[in-house]
């Protein structure tokens, strides 16, 4: 399962992981994903549709964000420019303390319609 996520070019749903893997049972896959998430190796992306998407944690890959299509559920990884990433950090540093919250990281998921759905 881990190799499937390493080889993936984008976040995958559980059916996609099972389709690319070597005969892993669905119940075992859920259990393994839960353990990998708990260990900080895999991250779950909730897209609001029937299937969550899974990918390697940012600590193991390059920091990035997501575009999520609300039509088909497709998830696309995107990297922000250094300037935009810096401004996002500044905004988090401003908003967090104003609410008594200590920000330790951020994720940005933008929702909308992909080219195929729009």
C-alpha atoms as a PDB file:
ATOM      1  CA  UNK A   1       0.000   0.000   0.000  1.00  0.00           C
ATOM      2  CA  UNK A   2       2.769   2.407   0.881  1.00  0.00           C
ATOM      3  CA  UNK A   3       4.494   1.767  -2.449  1.00  0.00           C
ATOM      4  CA  UNK A   4       1.249   2.580  -4.275  1.00  0.00           C
ATOM      5  CA  UNK A   5       1.133   5.974  -2.534  1.00  0.00           C
ATOM      6  CA  UNK A   6       4.835   6.581  -3.216  1.00  0.00           C
ATOM      7  CA  UNK A   7       4.313   5.882  -6.924  1.00  0.00           C
ATOM      8  CA  UNK A   8       1.094   7.903  -7.190  1.00  0.00           C
ATOM      9  CA  UNK A   9       1.133  11.168  -9.095  1.00  0.00           C
ATOM     10  CA  UNK A  10      -1.820  12.496  -7.057  1.00  0.00           C
ATOM     11  CA  UNK A  11      -3.833  11.663  -3.932  1.00  0.00           C
ATOM     12  CA  UNK A  12      -5.760   8.396  -4.322  1.00  0.00           C
ATOM     13  CA  UNK A  13      -9.061   7.042  -3.046  1.00  0.00           C
ATOM     14  CA  UNK A  14      -9.172   3.672  -1.331  1.00  0.00           C
ATOM     15  CA  UNK A  15     -10.678   1.978  -4.428  1.00  0.00           C
ATOM     16  CA  UNK A  16      -7.822   3.426  -6.498  1.00  0.00           C
ATOM     17  CA  UNK A  17      -5.264   2.174  -3.964  1.00  0.00           C
ATOM     18  CA  UNK A  18      -6.841  -1.291  -3.985  1.00  0.00           C
ATOM     19  CA  UNK A  19      -6.892  -1.296  -7.795  1.00  0.00           C
ATOM     20  CA  UNK A  20      -3.177  -0.547  -7.978  1.00  0.00           C
ATOM     21  CA  UNK A  21      -2.114  -2.853  -5.145  1.00  0.00           C
ATOM     22  CA  UNK A  22      -1.434  -6.565  -5.072  1.00  0.00           C
ATOM     23  CA  UNK A  23      -4.556  -8.206  -3.665  1.00  0.00           C
ATOM     24  CA  UNK A  24      -4.859  -6.251  -0.418  1.00  0.00           C
ATOM     25  CA  UNK A  25      -8.249  -6.806   1.224  1.00  0.00           C
ATOM     26  CA  UNK A  26     -10.370  -3.701   1.790  1.00  0.00           C
ATOM     27  CA  UNK A  27     -10.626  -4.328   5.553  1.00  0.00           C
ATOM     28  CA  UNK A  28      -6.830  -4.651   5.796  1.00  0.00           C
ATOM     29  CA  UNK A  29      -6.400  -1.502   3.714  1.00  0.00           C
ATOM     30  CA  UNK A  30      -8.588   0.542   6.081  1.00  0.00           C
ATOM     31  CA  UNK A  31      -6.675  -0.795   9.079  1.00  0.00           C
ATOM     32  CA  UNK A  32      -3.300  -0.109   7.434  1.00  0.00           C
ATOM     33  CA  UNK A  33      -4.335   3.404   6.404  1.00  0.00           C
ATOM     34  CA  UNK A  34      -5.464   4.178   9.960  1.00  0.00           C
ATOM     35  CA  UNK A  35      -2.093   3.039  11.303  1.00  0.00           C
ATOM     36  CA  UNK A  36      -0.152   5.003   8.669  1.00  0.00           C
ATOM     37  CA  UNK A  37      -2.199   8.124   9.417  1.00  0.00           C
ATOM     38  CA  UNK A  38      -1.618   7.668  13.145  1.00  0.00           C
ATOM     39  CA  UNK A  39       2.122   7.336  12.521  1.00  0.00           C
ATOM     40  CA  UNK A  40       2.143  10.574  10.494  1.00  0.00           C
ATOM     41  CA  UNK A  41       3.187   8.818   7.275  1.00  0.00           C
ATOM     42  CA  UNK A  42      -0.072   9.276   5.345  1.00  0.00           C
ATOM     43  CA  UNK A  43      -2.549  12.159   5.277  1.00  0.00           C
ATOM     44  CA  UNK A  44      -6.282  11.885   4.626  1.00  0.00           C
ATOM     45  CA  UNK A  45      -7.918  14.528   2.438  1.00  0.00           C
ATOM     46  CA  UNK A  46     -11.646  14.864   3.032  1.00  0.00           C
ATOM     47  CA  UNK A  47     -13.229  16.032  -0.196  1.00  0.00           C
ATOM     48  CA  UNK A  48     -16.833  15.909   0.973  1.00  0.00           C
ATOM     49  CA  UNK A  49     -17.729  13.179  -1.517  1.00  0.00           C
ATOM     50  CA  UNK A  50     -18.060   9.430  -1.070  1.00  0.00           C
ATOM     51  CA  UNK A  51     -14.326   8.728  -0.838  1.00  0.00           C
ATOM     52  CA  UNK A  52     -11.524  10.382   1.047  1.00  0.00           C
ATOM     53  CA  UNK A  53      -8.197  10.675  -0.728  1.00  0.00           C
ATOM     54  CA  UNK A  54      -4.859   9.588   0.721  1.00  0.00           C
ATOM     55  CA  UNK A  55      -1.281  10.692   0.106  1.00  0.00           C
ATOM     56  CA  UNK A  56       2.110  10.655   1.754  1.00  0.00           C
ATOM     57  CA  UNK A  57       2.499  13.234   4.506  1.00  0.00           C
ATOM     58  CA  UNK A  58       4.149  16.563   3.690  1.00  0.00           C
ATOM     59  CA  UNK A  59       7.113  15.582   5.873  1.00  0.00           C
ATOM     60  CA  UNK A  60       7.927  12.868   3.309  1.00  0.00           C
ATOM     61  CA  UNK A  61       7.224  14.946   0.211  1.00  0.00           C
ATOM     62  CA  UNK A  62       7.264  18.596  -0.787  1.00  0.00           C
ATOM     63  CA  UNK A  63       4.832  20.881   1.043  1.00  0.00           C
ATOM     64  CA  UNK A  64       1.805  21.492  -1.160  1.00  0.00           C
ATOM     65  CA  UNK A  65      -1.901  22.289  -1.210  1.00  0.00           C
ATOM     66  CA  UNK A  66      -4.936  20.957  -3.073  1.00  0.00           C
ATOM     67  CA  UNK A  67      -7.539  21.912  -5.628  1.00  0.00           C
ATOM     68  CA  UNK A  68     -10.664  19.818  -5.013  1.00  0.00           C
ATOM     69  CA  UNK A  69     -13.380  19.493  -7.654  1.00  0.00           C
ATOM     70  CA  UNK A  70     -16.827  19.528  -6.060  1.00  0.00           C
ATOM     71  CA  UNK A  71     -18.248  17.972  -9.224  1.00  0.00           C
ATOM     72  CA  UNK A  72     -16.203  14.805  -9.698  1.00  0.00           C
ATOM     73  CA  UNK A  73     -14.122  14.753  -6.492  1.00  0.00           C
ATOM     74  CA  UNK A  74     -10.798  14.974  -8.315  1.00  0.00           C
ATOM     75  CA  UNK A  75      -7.906  16.222  -6.157  1.00  0.00           C
ATOM     76  CA  UNK A  76      -4.929  18.020  -7.703  1.00  0.00           C
ATOM     77  CA  UNK A  77      -1.729  18.836  -5.826  1.00  0.00           C
ATOM     78  CA  UNK A  78      -0.485  22.401  -6.235  1.00  0.00           C
ATOM     79  CA  UNK A  79       2.598  24.169  -4.929  1.00  0.00           C
ATOM     80  CA  UNK A  80       2.403  27.865  -4.143  1.00  0.00           C
ATOM     81  CA  UNK A  81       5.104  30.364  -4.988  1.00  0.00           C
ATOM     82  CA  UNK A  82       7.478  31.223  -2.154  1.00  0.00           C
ATOM     83  CA  UNK A  83       5.899  34.683  -1.933  1.00  0.00           C
ATOM     84  CA  UNK A  84       2.359  33.337  -1.662  1.00  0.00           C
ATOM     85  CA  UNK A  85       3.436  30.680   0.853  1.00  0.00           C
ATOM     86  CA  UNK A  86       5.088  33.427   2.933  1.00  0.00           C
ATOM     87  CA  UNK A  87       1.906  35.532   2.871  1.00  0.00           C
ATOM     88  CA  UNK A  88      -0.123  32.496   3.943  1.00  0.00           C
ATOM     89  CA  UNK A  89       2.240  32.007   6.919  1.00  0.00           C
ATOM     90  CA  UNK A  90       1.850  35.688   7.818  1.00  0.00           C
ATOM     91  CA  UNK A  91      -1.951  35.405   7.697  1.00  0.00           C
ATOM     92  CA  UNK A  92      -1.853  32.316   9.916  1.00  0.00           C
ATOM     93  CA  UNK A  93       0.440  34.116  12.367  1.00  0.00           C
ATOM     94  CA  UNK A  94      -2.078  36.961  12.515  1.00  0.00           C
ATOM     95  CA  UNK A  95      -5.304  34.966  12.720  1.00  0.00           C
ATOM     96  CA  UNK A  96      -4.152  32.276  15.148  1.00  0.00           C
ATOM     97  CA  UNK A  97      -3.077  34.449  18.088  1.00  0.00           C
ATOM     98  CA  UNK A  98      -6.113  36.696  17.622  1.00  0.00           C
ATOM     99  CA  UNK A  99      -8.201  33.634  18.474  1.00  0.00           C
ATOM    100  CA  UNK A 100      -5.832  32.380  21.194  1.00  0.00           C
ATOM    101  CA  UNK A 101      -4.637  29.609  18.878  1.00  0.00           C
ATOM    102  CA  UNK A 102      -1.042  28.504  18.424  1.00  0.00           C
ATOM    103  CA  UNK A 103      -0.623  27.699  14.716  1.00  0.00           C
ATOM    104  CA  UNK A 104       1.829  24.872  14.040  1.00  0.00           C
ATOM    105  CA  UNK A 105       1.150  24.341  10.345  1.00  0.00           C
ATOM    106  CA  UNK A 106      -1.360  24.876   7.579  1.00  0.00           C
ATOM    107  CA  UNK A 107      -3.198  23.168   4.751  1.00  0.00           C
ATOM    108  CA  UNK A 108      -4.988  24.996   1.998  1.00  0.00           C
ATOM    109  CA  UNK A 109      -7.705  23.176   0.055  1.00  0.00           C
ATOM    110  CA  UNK A 110      -9.425  25.200  -2.653  1.00  0.00           C
ATOM    111  CA  UNK A 111     -12.762  23.887  -3.902  1.00  0.00           C
ATOM    112  CA  UNK A 112     -14.428  24.491  -7.232  1.00  0.00           C
ATOM    113  CA  UNK A 113     -14.998  22.790 -10.558  1.00  0.00           C
ATOM    114  CA  UNK A 114     -12.259  21.228 -12.676  1.00  0.00           C
ATOM    115  CA  UNK A 115     -12.030  21.839 -16.404  1.00  0.00           C
ATOM    116  CA  UNK A 116     -14.073  18.701 -17.176  1.00  0.00           C
ATOM    117  CA  UNK A 117     -16.889  19.622 -14.793  1.00  0.00           C
ATOM    118  CA  UNK A 118     -17.151  23.329 -15.592  1.00  0.00           C
END
